[in-house]
Amino acid sequence: MRNINNSKLRIIPLGGLEQIGMNITAFEFEDSIIVVDCGLSFPEDDMLGIDLVIPDITYLRDNIQKVKGFVITHGHEDHIGALPYVLKEINVPVYATKLTIGLIENKLREHNLLNNTKRKVVKHGQSINLGAFRIEFIKTNHSIVDASALAIYSPAGIIVHTGDFKVDYTPVFGDAIDLQRFGEIGKKGVLALMCDSTNAERPGFTMSERTVGKVFDNIMSEHKNSRIIIATFASNVDRVQQIINSAYKYGRKVVVEGRSMVNVIKTASELGYLNVPDKTLIDIEMMKNYPDDQVVLITTGSQGESMAALSRIAASLHKKVQIKPGDTVIFSSKAIPGNEKAVSKVINELSMKGADVIFQDAHVSGHACQEEIKLLYSLVHPKYAIPVHGEYRHLKAQADLAKSLGIAKENIFLLSSGDVLELGADSASVVNHVHTGAILVDGLGVGDVGNIVLRDRQHLAEDGIMIVVLTLEKYSNQLLAGPDIVSRGFVYVRESEDLMGEARAVVDKAVGDCLDRGVSDWGKLKNVIKDSLSDFIWKKTKRDPMILPIIMEV
């Protein structure tokens, strides 16, 4: 479909490139914008005290009259987590499949947004019309049920966005990925393919989710006498289903622990994505009424998160579950890059308490490896390749695959968040860059902690703080009290009385000199205090605490 006035389609990733997480991409044609996904990411190590990170949506706010809706590919946090924050500013309808909408509604309920957010459930194979776009939902497989790829029909051409996907010919729930539909759309002529790159470095195929079910069966037959604890991702409904199937087969009751796990299982059961045999699920309070060999505990915390159930159990902080020798603990997940240390700490703690820890073979990825990515390219046959979802090295690996399949180097685009890629029937180029960034969420505060606050937290964390308090008489500027020094996180004061005494003398002298010279400007006085104290402390300790002078006037 060539547009008469030859308008171009613009693809603008506002987050999610060069990182895993915070996926959000705007598609713009003339006066229509649709937004695919709206995810959060988790804080980096240097983001002290931050709970989560959401994308900066200044671009959408500035073009709010064009925004027609959010189209969501699947229900993982890195694709839906920022919705409640963003919808407060950009209140447009949300379109997704049944389970995805169910999980989004849980979030909206927590944020009191259920009543004023329009939501529409879309089935696989259905299309929705939003402004200049028609968006078709295509069935795919992933580590959460009801994942979709999107065919985005625009006047400039068809864009296929895979969402997060793998090819699973034997999924636990529902049908295999609709490869036939990808082929049909490929025959129509696809302008660009935006394909998941998470496993683009891995050769071969990703194993079917079903293979994990066999592993659980084997583990349960080998550990007939022990209590079994399985940690996995809350959102992996198929994994939970297989654990329940194995438990039922071996006559065990299932206990679910961890808030996110309980929420997802409740939603999935209500919507018919999880089939739990009668009397299989029991409450955690009832666990003590059953012998160990009749219990399976499914829990969150497979990434070593300090507040999640498994970490609390491992550290003996959990009120209802204690590890005892002979327990079998299975990690049904792989450590996400950056979490390896936390995971190994939990494994060590569990092993010290006598548990048998299993972490091999009890997990398969939810993302496509190289052969599946090649299969999709071969079916869709795009003119342009735009690798998405991954760090730079993952995007680069997919770019190399695309090249090996015959796509010209100049037709492959490794974008950064904020790049504006303009596509026409015969041309594609990055024409602009819009403002993007990360908004930090700390407690109830959204965006009130920025770089300066983080820098201060870093400074406080590394060197502590010294507060200098003094009282001046109004008008005459006589020193009435102080200077007193209070320190936190700098040295243990009781054992450093000499140092603190000397520091007080240094400040005393500096303040005295200033007042003798008739300096009445407080800003100047504070700078003198800071400089003199900081020089002294550095010479004595080679440390650089934050120095905060406080002047009172009576």
Protein backbone atom coordinates (compact mmCIF):
# COMPACT_ATOMS: atom_id res chain seq x y z
CA MET A 1 0.00 0.00 0.00
CA ARG A 2 1.75 3.16 -1.18
CA ASN A 3 0.37 6.38 0.26
CA ILE A 4 -0.42 9.06 -2.34
CA ASN A 5 1.34 11.90 -0.53
CA ASN A 6 4.20 9.51 0.28
CA SER A 7 4.13 10.11 4.05
CA LYS A 8 6.63 8.18 6.07
CA LEU A 9 6.16 5.87 9.03
CA ARG A 10 8.27 6.74 12.07
CA ILE A 11 9.39 4.11 14.59
CA ILE A 12 10.59 5.62 17.88
CA PRO A 13 11.84 3.29 20.64
CA LEU A 14 11.41 5.23 23.91
CA GLY A 15 13.13 2.52 25.97
CA GLY A 16 14.19 -1.11 25.95
CA LEU A 17 17.08 -0.98 23.51
CA GLU A 18 20.61 -1.76 24.70
CA GLN A 19 19.09 -3.16 27.91
CA ILE A 20 16.75 -5.95 28.99
CA GLY A 21 13.67 -4.23 30.35
CA MET A 22 11.66 -1.00 30.00
CA ASN A 23 10.29 -1.88 26.55
CA ILE A 24 8.21 0.84 24.94
CA THR A 25 8.06 1.84 21.26
CA ALA A 26 5.99 4.49 19.50
CA PHE A 27 4.82 4.03 15.89
CA GLU A 28 3.80 7.30 14.28
CA PHE A 29 2.12 7.98 10.96
CA GLU A 30 0.95 11.56 10.33
CA ASP A 31 -1.52 12.29 13.16
CA SER A 32 -1.64 8.78 14.66
CA ILE A 33 0.66 7.28 17.31
CA ILE A 34 0.30 3.79 18.73
CA VAL A 35 2.52 2.61 21.57
CA VAL A 36 3.67 -1.01 21.75
CA ASP A 37 4.34 -2.17 25.34
CA CYS A 38 5.05 -0.05 28.39
CA GLY A 39 7.50 -1.82 30.69
CA LEU A 40 9.67 -1.08 33.69
CA SER A 41 13.19 -2.14 34.50
CA PHE A 42 14.79 -2.93 37.82
CA PRO A 43 17.37 -0.60 39.37
CA GLU A 44 21.10 -0.92 38.67
CA ASP A 45 23.47 -1.47 41.60
CA ASP A 46 24.35 2.22 41.76
CA MET A 47 20.71 3.32 42.07
CA LEU A 48 20.67 3.29 45.87
CA GLY A 49 17.22 2.84 47.39
CA ILE A 50 15.39 2.94 44.06
CA ASP A 51 12.50 0.46 43.72
CA LEU A 52 11.97 0.49 39.97
CA VAL A 53 12.70 2.46 36.83
CA ILE A 54 10.13 3.59 34.26
CA PRO A 55 10.59 5.23 30.84
CA ASP A 56 10.51 8.98 30.32
CA ILE A 57 7.48 9.60 28.08
CA THR A 58 8.01 13.30 27.38
CA TYR A 59 7.62 12.59 23.64
CA LEU A 60 4.17 11.04 24.15
CA ARG A 61 3.12 13.83 26.49
CA ASP A 62 4.15 16.44 23.90
CA ASN A 63 2.13 14.63 21.21
CA ILE A 64 -0.74 13.45 23.39
CA GLN A 65 -3.43 14.42 20.86
CA LYS A 66 -1.97 11.88 18.40
CA VAL A 67 -1.75 8.91 20.84
CA LYS A 68 -4.49 6.39 20.05
CA GLY A 69 -3.70 3.54 22.44
CA PHE A 70 -1.29 1.08 24.04
CA VAL A 71 -0.94 -2.31 22.37
CA ILE A 72 0.66 -4.86 24.70
CA THR A 73 2.40 -8.04 23.49
CA HIS A 74 2.44 -10.02 26.78
CA GLY A 75 2.17 -9.74 30.54
CA HIS A 76 5.77 -9.57 31.78
CA GLU A 77 6.86 -6.68 34.00
CA ASP A 78 9.33 -5.39 31.42
CA HIS A 79 6.35 -4.93 29.06
CA ILE A 80 3.45 -3.88 31.35
CA GLY A 81 5.07 -2.68 34.59
CA ALA A 82 5.11 1.06 33.81
CA LEU A 83 1.50 1.22 32.56
CA PRO A 84 -0.07 2.40 35.86
CA TYR A 85 2.45 5.27 36.05
CA VAL A 86 2.18 6.25 32.39
CA LEU A 87 -1.63 5.99 32.17
CA LYS A 88 -1.92 8.67 34.85
CA GLU A 89 -0.49 11.08 32.27
CA ILE A 90 -1.58 9.49 29.01
CA ASN A 91 -5.02 8.06 29.52
CA VAL A 92 -5.71 6.11 26.32
CA PRO A 93 -7.20 2.62 25.82
CA VAL A 94 -5.10 -0.51 26.37
CA TYR A 95 -5.39 -3.50 24.00
CA ALA A 96 -4.06 -6.98 24.81
CA THR A 97 -4.99 -10.67 25.06
CA LYS A 98 -7.08 -12.04 27.94
CA LEU A 99 -4.40 -13.05 30.46
CA THR A 100 -2.34 -9.94 29.72
CA ILE A 101 -5.35 -7.68 30.40
CA GLY A 102 -6.03 -9.72 33.58
CA LEU A 103 -2.49 -9.01 34.85
CA ILE A 104 -2.72 -5.34 33.83
CA GLU A 105 -6.02 -5.04 35.75
CA ASN A 106 -4.29 -6.31 38.92
CA LYS A 107 -1.87 -3.38 38.58
CA LEU A 108 -4.57 -0.83 37.79
CA ARG A 109 -6.52 -1.99 40.85
CA GLU A 110 -3.49 -1.31 43.07
CA HIS A 111 -3.20 2.20 41.64
CA ASN A 112 -6.99 2.94 41.71
CA LEU A 113 -7.08 3.31 37.93
CA LEU A 114 -9.55 0.56 37.03
CA ASN A 115 -12.53 2.84 36.58
CA ASN A 116 -10.93 5.41 34.31
CA THR A 117 -8.84 3.17 32.03
CA LYS A 118 -10.42 1.70 28.92
CA ARG A 119 -9.26 -1.86 28.25
CA LYS A 120 -10.10 -4.19 25.43
CA VAL A 121 -9.38 -7.91 25.20
CA VAL A 122 -8.17 -8.95 21.75
CA LYS A 123 -8.06 -12.56 20.54
CA HIS A 124 -5.23 -13.99 18.44
CA GLY A 125 -6.11 -13.52 14.78
CA GLN A 126 -8.18 -10.41 15.50
CA SER A 127 -7.28 -6.92 14.36
CA ILE A 128 -7.93 -3.51 15.86
CA ASN A 129 -8.02 -0.18 14.05
CA LEU A 130 -6.28 2.78 15.69
CA GLY A 131 -6.01 5.94 13.61
CA ALA A 132 -3.94 5.22 10.50
CA PHE A 133 -2.96 1.77 11.80
CA ARG A 134 -4.49 -1.68 11.79
CA ILE A 135 -2.85 -4.04 14.29
CA GLU A 136 -3.25 -7.81 14.03
CA PHE A 137 -2.44 -10.06 17.01
CA ILE A 138 -0.57 -13.25 16.06
CA LYS A 139 -0.22 -16.25 18.39
CA THR A 140 3.33 -16.92 19.63
CA ASN A 141 4.91 -18.97 22.45
CA HIS A 142 6.81 -17.48 25.37
CA SER A 143 7.44 -18.17 29.07
CA ILE A 144 4.07 -16.57 29.83
CA VAL A 145 0.82 -17.70 28.22
CA ASP A 146 -1.09 -15.54 25.71
CA ALA A 147 1.96 -13.84 24.20
CA SER A 148 1.44 -12.15 20.84
CA ALA A 149 3.39 -10.88 17.91
CA LEU A 150 1.92 -7.88 16.11
CA ALA A 151 1.49 -7.21 12.41
CA ILE A 152 1.21 -3.45 12.18
CA TYR A 153 -0.40 -2.38 8.91
CA SER A 154 0.39 1.23 8.04
CA PRO A 155 -0.05 3.20 4.80
CA ALA A 156 3.75 2.98 4.39
CA GLY A 157 3.84 -0.82 4.65
CA ILE A 158 3.61 -3.73 7.09
CA ILE A 159 5.80 -3.93 10.19
CA VAL A 160 6.00 -7.25 12.05
CA HIS A 161 6.91 -6.99 15.75
CA THR A 162 7.55 -10.42 17.27
CA GLY A 163 7.21 -9.41 20.93
CA ASP A 164 9.13 -11.85 23.13
CA PHE A 165 8.84 -15.26 21.50
CA LYS A 166 10.14 -18.76 21.00
CA VAL A 167 8.96 -21.52 18.70
CA ASP A 168 7.36 -24.26 20.80
CA TYR A 169 5.70 -27.02 18.78
CA THR A 170 4.44 -28.72 21.96
CA PRO A 171 3.38 -25.93 24.32
CA VAL A 172 1.90 -26.82 27.71
CA PHE A 173 -1.21 -24.69 27.18
CA GLY A 174 -2.92 -23.79 23.91
CA ASP A 175 -1.56 -23.87 20.39
CA ALA A 176 1.89 -23.66 18.89
CA ILE A 177 3.10 -20.38 17.39
CA ASP A 178 1.11 -19.48 14.24
CA LEU A 179 3.97 -19.91 11.77
CA GLN A 180 1.50 -20.16 8.89
CA ARG A 181 0.24 -16.63 9.54
CA PHE A 182 3.80 -15.25 9.58
CA GLY A 183 4.29 -16.91 6.18
CA GLU A 184 1.06 -15.45 4.78
CA ILE A 185 1.99 -11.94 5.93
CA GLY A 186 5.49 -12.48 4.52
CA LYS A 187 3.91 -13.21 1.11
CA LYS A 188 2.13 -9.83 1.18
CA GLY A 189 5.49 -8.10 1.50
CA VAL A 190 6.81 -6.94 4.87
CA LEU A 191 8.58 -3.61 5.15
CA ALA A 192 10.40 -4.33 8.43
CA LEU A 193 10.78 -7.05 11.05
CA MET A 194 11.38 -6.09 14.68
CA CYS A 195 12.54 -9.36 16.23
CA ASP A 196 13.38 -10.44 19.80
CA SER A 197 17.19 -10.64 20.21
CA THR A 198 17.53 -11.96 23.78
CA ASN A 199 19.02 -15.31 22.73
CA ALA A 200 20.45 -14.21 19.38
CA GLU A 201 23.93 -15.28 20.52
CA ARG A 202 22.81 -18.85 21.21
CA PRO A 203 22.99 -21.40 18.39
CA GLY A 204 20.30 -24.01 17.80
CA PHE A 205 16.72 -24.12 19.03
CA THR A 206 15.21 -23.36 22.43
CA MET A 207 13.83 -26.54 24.03
CA SER A 208 10.10 -26.95 24.46
CA GLU A 209 8.63 -25.92 27.81
CA ARG A 210 7.31 -29.47 28.06
CA THR A 211 10.81 -30.90 28.56
CA VAL A 212 10.85 -29.24 32.00
CA GLY A 213 7.74 -31.24 32.97
CA LYS A 214 9.71 -34.46 32.45
CA VAL A 215 12.50 -33.10 34.66
CA PHE A 216 10.01 -32.40 37.47
CA ASP A 217 8.62 -35.93 37.10
CA ASN A 218 12.13 -37.39 37.40
CA ILE A 219 13.02 -35.25 40.41
CA MET A 220 9.82 -36.20 42.22
CA SER A 221 10.33 -39.89 41.57
CA GLU A 222 13.94 -39.67 42.82
CA HIS A 223 13.16 -37.62 45.94
CA LYS A 224 10.12 -39.49 47.18
CA ASN A 225 10.90 -38.92 50.87
CA SER A 226 11.78 -35.24 50.96
CA ARG A 227 9.80 -32.03 50.92
CA ILE A 228 10.24 -30.33 47.55
CA ILE A 229 10.56 -26.55 47.19
CA ILE A 230 10.60 -25.10 43.67
CA ALA A 231 11.51 -21.48 42.94
CA THR A 232 10.46 -20.05 39.59
CA PHE A 233 9.20 -16.85 37.95
CA ALA A 234 5.70 -15.97 39.12
CA SER A 235 4.61 -15.18 35.58
CA ASN A 236 5.51 -18.59 34.12
CA VAL A 237 2.03 -20.10 34.32
CA ASP A 238 3.00 -23.12 32.18
CA ARG A 239 5.88 -23.93 34.55
CA VAL A 240 3.51 -23.75 37.53
CA GLN A 241 1.04 -25.96 35.64
CA GLN A 242 3.71 -28.62 35.10
CA ILE A 243 4.77 -28.52 38.75
CA ILE A 244 1.12 -29.00 39.74
CA ASN A 245 0.77 -31.88 37.23
CA SER A 246 3.86 -33.66 38.62
CA ALA A 247 2.80 -33.05 42.23
CA TYR A 248 -0.67 -34.48 41.54
CA LYS A 249 0.84 -37.49 39.80
CA TYR A 250 3.04 -38.23 42.84
CA GLY A 251 0.26 -37.61 45.37
CA ARG A 252 1.61 -34.34 46.73
CA LYS A 253 -0.25 -31.20 47.84
CA VAL A 254 0.87 -27.85 46.46
CA VAL A 255 1.49 -24.72 48.53
CA VAL A 256 2.07 -21.37 46.81
CA GLU A 257 4.14 -18.68 48.54
CA GLY A 258 5.12 -15.17 47.41
CA ARG A 259 2.70 -12.32 46.70
CA SER A 260 3.33 -12.07 42.95
CA MET A 261 3.04 -15.86 42.58
CA VAL A 262 -0.29 -15.94 44.44
CA ASN A 263 -1.63 -13.05 42.31
CA VAL A 264 -0.67 -14.58 38.97
CA ILE A 265 -1.96 -18.03 39.87
CA LYS A 266 -5.27 -16.55 41.05
CA THR A 267 -5.67 -14.53 37.83
CA ALA A 268 -4.60 -17.42 35.57
CA SER A 269 -6.96 -19.88 37.31
CA GLU A 270 -9.92 -17.49 37.12
CA LEU A 271 -9.32 -16.91 33.40
CA GLY A 272 -8.91 -20.63 32.65
CA TYR A 273 -5.17 -20.73 31.85
CA LEU A 274 -4.31 -22.95 34.81
CA ASN A 275 -5.96 -26.26 35.50
CA VAL A 276 -5.63 -27.27 39.16
CA PRO A 277 -7.08 -30.65 40.19
CA ASP A 278 -9.49 -30.44 43.14
CA LYS A 279 -7.98 -30.36 46.62
CA THR A 280 -4.42 -30.11 45.25
CA LEU A 281 -3.72 -26.51 46.34
CA ILE A 282 -3.54 -26.04 50.10
CA ASP A 283 -3.01 -22.95 52.20
CA ILE A 284 0.45 -22.40 53.69
CA GLU A 285 -1.11 -22.62 57.17
CA MET A 286 -2.18 -26.21 56.40
CA MET A 287 1.32 -27.35 55.38
CA LYS A 288 2.20 -28.54 58.89
CA ASN A 289 -0.67 -31.04 58.76
CA TYR A 290 1.01 -33.04 55.97
CA PRO A 291 4.19 -35.13 56.07
CA ASP A 292 7.15 -33.71 54.09
CA ASP A 293 6.90 -36.29 51.33
CA GLN A 294 3.38 -35.10 50.49
CA VAL A 295 4.19 -31.43 49.94
CA VAL A 296 5.51 -29.27 47.09
CA LEU A 297 6.08 -25.59 47.80
CA ILE A 298 6.15 -23.24 44.78
CA THR A 299 7.79 -19.94 45.63
CA THR A 300 9.13 -16.68 44.22
CA GLY A 301 12.74 -15.60 44.68
CA SER A 302 14.54 -17.61 42.02
CA GLN A 303 16.68 -14.51 41.32
CA GLY A 304 17.92 -14.19 44.91
CA GLU A 305 15.82 -11.03 45.50
CA SER A 306 16.31 -10.16 49.15
CA MET A 307 12.62 -9.58 49.90
CA ALA A 308 11.27 -12.58 47.98
CA ALA A 309 10.01 -15.68 49.75
CA LEU A 310 12.93 -18.02 48.98
CA SER A 311 15.59 -15.57 50.22
CA ARG A 312 13.65 -15.08 53.46
CA ILE A 313 13.33 -18.87 53.86
CA ALA A 314 17.07 -19.34 53.20
CA ALA A 315 17.99 -16.64 55.74
CA SER A 316 15.63 -18.11 58.41
CA LEU A 317 13.49 -14.94 58.28
CA HIS A 318 10.33 -16.59 56.99
CA LYS A 319 7.55 -16.95 59.56
CA LYS A 320 5.96 -20.09 58.15
CA VAL A 321 8.66 -22.08 56.35
CA GLN A 322 11.95 -23.30 57.80
CA ILE A 323 14.52 -25.24 55.78
CA LYS A 324 15.49 -28.56 57.31
CA PRO A 325 18.06 -31.17 56.32
CA GLY A 326 16.73 -33.39 53.56
CA ASP A 327 14.63 -30.71 51.81
CA THR A 328 15.06 -30.62 48.04
CA VAL A 329 15.16 -27.10 46.56
CA ILE A 330 14.92 -26.66 42.79
CA PHE A 331 15.81 -23.43 40.99
CA SER A 332 13.55 -23.55 37.93
CA SER A 333 15.07 -20.46 36.35
CA LYS A 334 18.35 -19.06 35.12
CA ALA A 335 20.07 -16.18 36.88
CA ILE A 336 19.38 -12.97 34.97
CA PRO A 337 22.70 -11.20 34.25
CA GLY A 338 23.63 -9.17 37.33
CA ASN A 339 21.81 -11.47 39.78
CA GLU A 340 24.39 -14.27 39.86
CA LYS A 341 25.88 -13.16 43.19
CA ALA A 342 22.52 -12.94 44.93
CA VAL A 343 21.47 -16.36 43.58
CA SER A 344 24.68 -18.08 44.68
CA LYS A 345 24.32 -16.53 48.15
CA VAL A 346 20.85 -18.09 48.50
CA ILE A 347 22.12 -21.46 47.19
CA ASN A 348 24.93 -21.39 49.76
CA GLU A 349 22.56 -20.53 52.60
CA LEU A 350 20.19 -23.35 51.60
CA SER A 351 23.03 -25.87 51.29
CA MET A 352 24.43 -24.93 54.72
CA LYS A 353 21.05 -25.74 56.23
CA GLY A 354 21.25 -29.23 54.75
CA ALA A 355 19.02 -28.80 51.70
CA ASP A 356 19.78 -30.58 48.44
CA VAL A 357 19.83 -27.80 45.80
CA ILE A 358 19.18 -28.58 42.11
CA PHE A 359 19.64 -25.91 39.48
CA GLN A 360 20.56 -27.79 36.30
CA ASP A 361 18.06 -28.71 33.58
CA ALA A 362 15.01 -27.45 35.47
CA HIS A 363 14.56 -24.46 33.18
CA VAL A 364 14.18 -23.61 29.50
CA SER A 365 14.31 -20.14 28.04
CA GLY A 366 11.28 -18.26 26.78
CA HIS A 367 13.24 -16.67 23.94
CA ALA A 368 14.15 -17.84 20.45
CA CYS A 369 17.67 -19.05 19.68
CA GLN A 370 19.41 -18.52 16.32
CA GLU A 371 17.61 -21.20 14.30
CA GLU A 372 14.16 -19.93 15.35
CA ILE A 373 15.15 -16.34 14.55
CA LYS A 374 16.30 -17.54 11.10
CA LEU A 375 13.01 -19.39 10.64
CA LEU A 376 11.05 -16.23 11.34
CA TYR A 377 13.17 -14.12 8.97
CA SER A 378 12.68 -16.75 6.26
CA LEU A 379 8.89 -16.70 6.72
CA VAL A 380 8.47 -12.94 7.02
CA HIS A 381 11.11 -12.01 4.45
CA PRO A 382 11.40 -8.35 5.53
CA LYS A 383 13.05 -5.59 3.53
CA TYR A 384 14.48 -3.97 6.69
CA ALA A 385 15.66 -5.64 9.90
CA ILE A 386 15.36 -3.84 13.24
CA PRO A 387 16.63 -6.09 16.08
CA VAL A 388 14.87 -5.28 19.40
CA HIS A 389 14.78 -6.52 23.00
CA GLY A 390 18.34 -6.95 24.17
CA GLU A 391 21.61 -5.38 25.12
CA TYR A 392 23.80 -4.08 22.31
CA ARG A 393 25.65 -7.40 21.92
CA HIS A 394 22.33 -9.26 21.48
CA LEU A 395 21.11 -6.77 18.87
CA LYS A 396 24.46 -7.04 17.10
CA ALA A 397 24.25 -10.86 17.08
CA GLN A 398 20.84 -10.68 15.42
CA ALA A 399 22.12 -8.12 12.90
CA ASP A 400 24.83 -10.65 11.93
CA LEU A 401 22.17 -13.36 11.51
CA ALA A 402 20.08 -11.06 9.29
CA LYS A 403 23.18 -10.35 7.20
CA SER A 404 23.87 -14.09 6.84
CA LEU A 405 20.31 -14.50 5.53
CA GLY A 406 20.99 -12.04 2.72
CA ILE A 407 19.60 -8.78 4.13
CA ALA A 408 21.79 -5.91 2.95
CA LYS A 409 23.93 -4.29 5.62
CA GLU A 410 22.42 -0.84 4.97
CA ASN A 411 18.93 -2.31 5.55
CA ILE A 412 19.72 -3.42 9.12
CA PHE A 413 19.22 -0.82 11.84
CA LEU A 414 20.78 -1.08 15.31
CA LEU A 415 18.79 1.67 17.02
CA SER A 416 19.27 3.32 20.40
CA SER A 417 16.38 4.43 22.57
CA GLY A 418 15.22 7.82 21.28
CA ASP A 419 16.26 7.31 17.65
CA VAL A 420 13.58 8.23 15.11
CA LEU A 421 13.66 5.75 12.23
CA GLU A 422 11.72 6.98 9.22
CA LEU A 423 10.52 4.31 6.81
CA GLY A 424 9.03 4.68 3.37
CA ALA A 425 8.38 2.04 0.73
CA ASP A 426 11.84 2.64 -0.76
CA SER A 427 13.88 4.28 1.98
CA ALA A 428 14.77 4.07 5.62
CA SER A 429 16.97 6.31 7.74
CA VAL A 430 17.42 7.64 11.26
CA VAL A 431 16.30 11.26 10.89
CA ASN A 432 16.17 12.55 14.44
CA HIS A 433 16.57 11.78 18.13
CA VAL A 434 13.89 12.51 20.75
CA HIS A 435 14.27 12.88 24.49
CA THR A 436 14.18 9.60 26.40
CA GLY A 437 15.45 8.54 29.77
CA ALA A 438 14.75 6.72 32.99
CA ILE A 439 12.38 8.00 35.67
CA LEU A 440 13.22 6.57 39.09
CA VAL A 441 10.46 5.37 41.41
CA ASP A 442 11.28 5.39 45.12
CA GLY A 443 8.40 4.49 47.44
CA LEU A 444 5.50 6.73 46.39
CA GLY A 445 7.78 9.30 44.75
CA VAL A 446 7.93 9.13 40.95
CA GLY A 447 10.76 11.10 39.40
CA ASP A 448 11.61 13.10 42.52
CA VAL A 449 14.93 11.29 42.85
CA GLY A 450 17.30 12.28 40.06
CA ASN A 451 21.02 12.22 39.34
CA ILE A 452 21.87 14.81 42.00
CA VAL A 453 20.03 12.94 44.76
CA LEU A 454 21.63 9.66 43.65
CA ARG A 455 25.04 11.31 43.65
CA ASP A 456 24.42 12.50 47.23
CA ARG A 457 23.30 9.00 48.26
CA GLN A 458 26.44 7.59 46.73
CA HIS A 459 28.54 10.16 48.57
CA LEU A 460 26.77 9.43 51.88
CA ALA A 461 27.12 5.69 51.32
CA GLU A 462 30.84 5.93 50.64
CA ASP A 463 32.02 8.57 53.13
CA GLY A 464 29.21 9.49 55.54
CA ILE A 465 28.22 12.97 56.68
CA MET A 466 29.43 15.60 59.18
CA ILE A 467 27.02 18.27 60.36
CA VAL A 468 28.41 21.48 61.88
CA VAL A 469 25.92 23.44 64.02
CA LEU A 470 26.50 26.95 65.37
CA THR A 471 24.33 29.75 66.75
CA LEU A 472 24.90 33.46 66.03
CA GLU A 473 23.32 36.45 67.73
CA LYS A 474 21.11 38.50 65.45
CA TYR A 475 22.56 41.87 64.30
CA SER A 476 25.80 41.61 66.33
CA ASN A 477 26.92 38.29 64.71
CA GLN A 478 28.42 37.11 67.99
CA LEU A 479 29.00 33.36 68.30
CA LEU A 480 26.62 32.21 71.07
CA ALA A 481 26.93 28.42 70.85
CA GLY A 482 28.98 25.85 68.97
CA PRO A 483 30.39 25.00 66.62
CA ASP A 484 29.30 21.44 67.45
CA ILE A 485 30.00 18.55 65.10
CA VAL A 486 27.66 15.59 64.62
CA SER A 487 28.74 12.78 62.32
CA ARG A 488 26.97 9.75 60.84
CA GLY A 489 28.59 7.00 58.84
CA PHE A 490 32.01 8.68 59.03
CA VAL A 491 33.83 7.32 62.12
CA TYR A 492 32.67 5.70 65.31
CA VAL A 493 32.72 8.83 67.46
CA ARG A 494 33.38 7.19 70.84
CA GLU A 495 36.65 5.78 69.60
CA SER A 496 37.69 8.93 67.73
CA GLU A 497 37.24 11.63 70.34
CA ASP A 498 40.68 13.11 69.61
CA LEU A 499 39.93 13.43 65.92
CA MET A 500 36.53 15.03 66.58
CA GLY A 501 38.07 17.38 69.15
CA GLU A 502 40.70 18.52 66.65
CA ALA A 503 38.04 18.92 63.96
CA ARG A 504 35.98 21.10 66.29
CA ALA A 505 39.07 23.25 67.00
CA VAL A 506 39.70 23.67 63.25
CA VAL A 507 36.11 24.81 62.63
CA ASP A 508 36.20 27.04 65.72
CA LYS A 509 39.30 28.81 64.43
CA ALA A 510 37.89 29.20 60.90
CA VAL A 511 34.59 30.65 62.21
CA GLY A 512 36.45 32.93 64.63
CA ASP A 513 38.67 34.28 61.83
CA CYS A 514 35.63 35.02 59.67
CA LEU A 515 33.68 36.80 62.42
CA ASP A 516 36.77 38.83 63.39
CA ARG A 517 36.99 40.01 59.77
CA GLY A 518 33.33 41.01 59.97
CA VAL A 519 32.08 38.45 57.44
CA SER A 520 28.28 38.43 57.81
CA ASP A 521 27.36 36.60 54.61
CA TRP A 522 26.19 33.13 55.65
CA GLY A 523 26.99 31.60 52.28
CA LYS A 524 30.60 32.67 52.64
CA LEU A 525 30.73 31.47 56.26
CA LYS A 526 29.39 28.03 55.26
CA ASN A 527 31.97 27.72 52.47
CA VAL A 528 34.82 28.57 54.88
CA ILE A 529 33.55 25.92 57.34
CA LYS A 530 33.25 23.33 54.55
CA ASP A 531 36.69 24.06 53.09
CA SER A 532 38.61 24.12 56.36
CA LEU A 533 36.94 20.99 57.78
CA SER A 534 37.19 19.07 54.52
CA ASP A 535 40.94 19.86 54.19
CA PHE A 536 41.58 18.77 57.77
CA ILE A 537 39.60 15.52 57.49
CA TRP A 538 41.24 14.63 54.18
CA LYS A 539 44.75 15.15 55.61
CA LYS A 540 43.96 13.06 58.68
CA THR A 541 41.89 10.22 57.21
CA LYS A 542 42.01 10.43 53.39
CA ARG A 543 38.20 10.45 53.49
CA ASP A 544 35.80 12.97 52.07
CA PRO A 545 32.52 12.99 54.02
CA MET A 546 29.63 15.26 53.04
CA ILE A 547 29.84 18.41 55.20
CA LEU A 548 26.65 20.23 56.10
CA PRO A 549 26.98 23.52 58.04
CA ILE A 550 23.82 24.70 59.84
CA ILE A 551 23.70 28.27 61.18
CA MET A 552 20.96 29.40 63.56
CA GLU A 553 20.20 32.94 64.63
CA VAL A 554 18.68 34.11 67.92
